[in-house]
Amino acid sequence: MVSFKYELNDDSVELQASDWFGLERVLVNGQQVSSKLNFGPKSVHNICLNDGQQCSFKLFIDPQTDELTCRIYKHNQLITSLKQGKNSLIQGQRLLQHGLLIGSSLVLLAVLFPYN
């Protein structure tokens, strides 16, 4: 799971994106305000902040650097551009793979050697 967090006026905004399951979510002050499934190289979330202001999150993968970029716009004006490099994405994938491997190993042990 990749997460981009930013303080925007009085709101704490966060975009979460799973590179494994394609689920994207936008949270404002911890409350989900947008979600979608996306398996493509880019997506857009248009939301309304608590003060009524319109805000857009544009998420895309730069084909030259493999960096995942989240651009935040307010009133169609770029506020910030947040990036996570390829190494961060690979590290997150490895953690998930190790967790799944350990979990499935424990289930297999429980099946093979039940506790009586």
C-alpha atoms as a PDB file:
ATOM      1  CA  MET A   1       0.000   0.000   0.000  1.00  0.00           C
ATOM      2  CA  VAL A   2       1.331   3.382  -1.025  1.00  0.00           C
ATOM      3  CA  SER A   3       0.195   6.427   0.917  1.00  0.00           C
ATOM      4  CA  PHE A   4       0.469  10.138   0.133  1.00  0.00           C
ATOM      5  CA  LYS A   5      -0.380  12.489   3.027  1.00  0.00           C
ATOM      6  CA  TYR A   6      -0.694  16.254   2.954  1.00  0.00           C
ATOM      7  CA  GLU A   7      -2.043  19.025   5.174  1.00  0.00           C
ATOM      8  CA  LEU A   8      -4.339  21.240   3.112  1.00  0.00           C
ATOM      9  CA  ASN A   9      -5.623  24.251   5.063  1.00  0.00           C
ATOM     10  CA  ASP A  10      -7.508  22.757   8.027  1.00  0.00           C
ATOM     11  CA  ASP A  11      -7.828  19.328   6.421  1.00  0.00           C
ATOM     12  CA  SER A  12      -5.536  16.343   6.560  1.00  0.00           C
ATOM     13  CA  VAL A  13      -5.813  14.575   3.190  1.00  0.00           C
ATOM     14  CA  GLU A  14      -4.454  11.186   2.220  1.00  0.00           C
ATOM     15  CA  LEU A  15      -4.492   9.100  -0.938  1.00  0.00           C
ATOM     16  CA  GLN A  16      -3.887   5.386  -0.481  1.00  0.00           C
ATOM     17  CA  ALA A  17      -3.231   3.084  -3.422  1.00  0.00           C
ATOM     18  CA  SER A  18      -2.672  -0.653  -3.457  1.00  0.00           C
ATOM     19  CA  ASP A  19      -0.350  -1.752  -6.236  1.00  0.00           C
ATOM     20  CA  TRP A  20      -1.521  -5.348  -5.624  1.00  0.00           C
ATOM     21  CA  PHE A  21      -5.304  -5.052  -5.511  1.00  0.00           C
ATOM     22  CA  GLY A  22      -5.888  -1.859  -7.496  1.00  0.00           C
ATOM     23  CA  LEU A  23      -7.872  -0.220  -4.688  1.00  0.00           C
ATOM     24  CA  GLU A  24      -7.457   3.541  -4.301  1.00  0.00           C
ATOM     25  CA  ARG A  25      -8.962   5.578  -1.456  1.00  0.00           C
ATOM     26  CA  VAL A  26      -8.966   9.256  -0.564  1.00  0.00           C
ATOM     27  CA  LEU A  27      -9.373  10.181   3.093  1.00  0.00           C
ATOM     28  CA  VAL A  28     -10.128  13.631   4.502  1.00  0.00           C
ATOM     29  CA  ASN A  29      -9.466  13.861   8.239  1.00  0.00           C
ATOM     30  CA  GLY A  30      -9.528  10.069   8.430  1.00  0.00           C
ATOM     31  CA  GLN A  31     -12.906   9.705   6.679  1.00  0.00           C
ATOM     32  CA  GLN A  32     -13.090   8.013   3.272  1.00  0.00           C
ATOM     33  CA  VAL A  33     -14.523  10.389   0.668  1.00  0.00           C
ATOM     34  CA  SER A  34     -13.593   8.562  -2.552  1.00  0.00           C
ATOM     35  CA  SER A  35     -12.607   5.073  -3.645  1.00  0.00           C
ATOM     36  CA  LYS A  36     -12.207   3.168  -6.882  1.00  0.00           C
ATOM     37  CA  LEU A  37     -10.506   0.167  -8.436  1.00  0.00           C
ATOM     38  CA  ASN A  38      -7.754   1.081 -10.863  1.00  0.00           C
ATOM     39  CA  PHE A  39      -5.243  -1.133 -12.636  1.00  0.00           C
ATOM     40  CA  GLY A  40      -4.109   1.505 -15.129  1.00  0.00           C
ATOM     41  CA  PRO A  41      -1.108   3.847 -15.038  1.00  0.00           C
ATOM     42  CA  LYS A  42      -3.155   6.896 -13.942  1.00  0.00           C
ATOM     43  CA  SER A  43      -6.334   7.959 -12.172  1.00  0.00           C
ATOM     44  CA  VAL A  44      -8.156  11.035 -10.863  1.00  0.00           C
ATOM     45  CA  HIS A  45     -10.196  11.560  -7.693  1.00  0.00           C
ATOM     46  CA  ASN A  46     -12.327  14.719  -7.485  1.00  0.00           C
ATOM     47  CA  ILE A  47     -13.497  15.505  -3.951  1.00  0.00           C
ATOM     48  CA  CYS A  48     -15.014  18.285  -1.892  1.00  0.00           C
ATOM     49  CA  LEU A  49     -13.104  19.354   1.225  1.00  0.00           C
ATOM     50  CA  ASN A  50     -14.854  20.115   4.524  1.00  0.00           C
ATOM     51  CA  ASP A  51     -14.820  23.863   3.718  1.00  0.00           C
ATOM     52  CA  GLY A  52     -16.677  23.204   0.442  1.00  0.00           C
ATOM     53  CA  GLN A  53     -13.598  23.700  -1.765  1.00  0.00           C
ATOM     54  CA  GLN A  54     -13.101  21.391  -4.762  1.00  0.00           C
ATOM     55  CA  CYS A  55      -9.897  19.354  -4.810  1.00  0.00           C
ATOM     56  CA  SER A  56      -8.428  16.829  -7.282  1.00  0.00           C
ATOM     57  CA  PHE A  57      -5.902  14.050  -6.765  1.00  0.00           C
ATOM     58  CA  LYS A  58      -4.130  12.931  -9.920  1.00  0.00           C
ATOM     59  CA  LEU A  59      -2.157   9.735  -9.525  1.00  0.00           C
ATOM     60  CA  PHE A  60       0.167   8.445 -12.256  1.00  0.00           C
ATOM     61  CA  ILE A  61       3.328   6.477 -12.883  1.00  0.00           C
ATOM     62  CA  ASP A  62       6.092   8.365 -14.652  1.00  0.00           C
ATOM     63  CA  PRO A  63       7.207   5.981 -17.442  1.00  0.00           C
ATOM     64  CA  GLN A  64      10.757   7.347 -17.461  1.00  0.00           C
ATOM     65  CA  THR A  65      11.526   7.079 -13.735  1.00  0.00           C
ATOM     66  CA  ASP A  66       8.919   4.517 -12.540  1.00  0.00           C
ATOM     67  CA  GLU A  67       8.046   6.969  -9.753  1.00  0.00           C
ATOM     68  CA  LEU A  68       4.480   7.033  -8.510  1.00  0.00           C
ATOM     69  CA  THR A  69       3.328  10.661  -8.400  1.00  0.00           C
ATOM     70  CA  CYS A  70       0.323  12.207  -6.692  1.00  0.00           C
ATOM     71  CA  ARG A  71      -0.522  15.754  -7.730  1.00  0.00           C
ATOM     72  CA  ILE A  72      -3.016  17.672  -5.621  1.00  0.00           C
ATOM     73  CA  TYR A  73      -5.000  20.487  -7.249  1.00  0.00           C
ATOM     74  CA  LYS A  74      -7.321  23.011  -5.614  1.00  0.00           C
ATOM     75  CA  HIS A  75      -9.466  25.129  -7.973  1.00  0.00           C
ATOM     76  CA  ASN A  76      -7.517  23.591 -10.886  1.00  0.00           C
ATOM     77  CA  GLN A  77      -4.272  25.040  -9.489  1.00  0.00           C
ATOM     78  CA  LEU A  78      -1.410  22.699  -8.589  1.00  0.00           C
ATOM     79  CA  ILE A  79      -0.846  22.730  -4.811  1.00  0.00           C
ATOM     80  CA  THR A  80       1.803  20.027  -4.496  1.00  0.00           C
ATOM     81  CA  SER A  81       3.384  17.065  -6.223  1.00  0.00           C
ATOM     82  CA  LEU A  82       4.255  14.100  -3.992  1.00  0.00           C
ATOM     83  CA  LYS A  83       6.410  11.228  -5.244  1.00  0.00           C
ATOM     84  CA  GLN A  84       7.424   7.754  -4.193  1.00  0.00           C
ATOM     85  CA  GLY A  85      10.260   6.050  -5.978  1.00  0.00           C
ATOM     86  CA  LYS A  86      10.495   2.566  -7.352  1.00  0.00           C
ATOM     87  CA  ASN A  87      12.463   1.353  -4.298  1.00  0.00           C
ATOM     88  CA  SER A  88       9.597   2.315  -1.950  1.00  0.00           C
ATOM     89  CA  LEU A  89       7.127   0.413  -4.119  1.00  0.00           C
ATOM     90  CA  ILE A  90       9.365  -2.673  -4.266  1.00  0.00           C
ATOM     91  CA  GLN A  91       9.915  -2.613  -0.497  1.00  0.00           C
ATOM     92  CA  GLY A  92       6.135  -2.520   0.096  1.00  0.00           C
ATOM     93  CA  GLN A  93       5.620  -5.449  -2.274  1.00  0.00           C
ATOM     94  CA  ARG A  94       8.306  -7.483  -0.481  1.00  0.00           C
ATOM     95  CA  LEU A  95       6.744  -6.853   2.932  1.00  0.00           C
ATOM     96  CA  LEU A  96       3.371  -8.038   1.642  1.00  0.00           C
ATOM     97  CA  GLN A  97       4.925 -11.124   0.040  1.00  0.00           C
ATOM     98  CA  HIS A  98       6.744 -12.064   3.258  1.00  0.00           C
ATOM     99  CA  GLY A  99       3.571 -11.567   5.307  1.00  0.00           C
ATOM    100  CA  LEU A 100       1.578 -13.787   2.951  1.00  0.00           C
ATOM    101  CA  LEU A 101       4.298 -16.438   2.998  1.00  0.00           C
ATOM    102  CA  ILE A 102       4.447 -16.524   6.809  1.00  0.00           C
ATOM    103  CA  GLY A 103       0.650 -16.564   7.117  1.00  0.00           C
ATOM    104  CA  SER A 104       0.223 -19.415   4.642  1.00  0.00           C
ATOM    105  CA  SER A 105       3.038 -21.363   6.335  1.00  0.00           C
ATOM    106  CA  LEU A 106       1.287 -21.065   9.700  1.00  0.00           C
ATOM    107  CA  VAL A 107      -1.996 -22.276   8.199  1.00  0.00           C
ATOM    108  CA  LEU A 108      -0.231 -25.243   6.602  1.00  0.00           C
ATOM    109  CA  LEU A 109       1.418 -26.157   9.912  1.00  0.00           C
ATOM    110  CA  ALA A 110      -1.943 -25.950  11.686  1.00  0.00           C
ATOM    111  CA  VAL A 111      -3.482 -28.316   9.112  1.00  0.00           C
ATOM    112  CA  LEU A 112      -0.588 -30.790   9.203  1.00  0.00           C
ATOM    113  CA  PHE A 113      -0.129 -30.743  12.970  1.00  0.00           C
ATOM    114  CA  PRO A 114      -3.485 -29.983  14.600  1.00  0.00           C
ATOM    115  CA  TYR A 115      -3.452 -29.112  18.296  1.00  0.00           C
ATOM    116  CA  ASN A 116      -5.428 -31.679  20.289  1.00  0.00           C
END
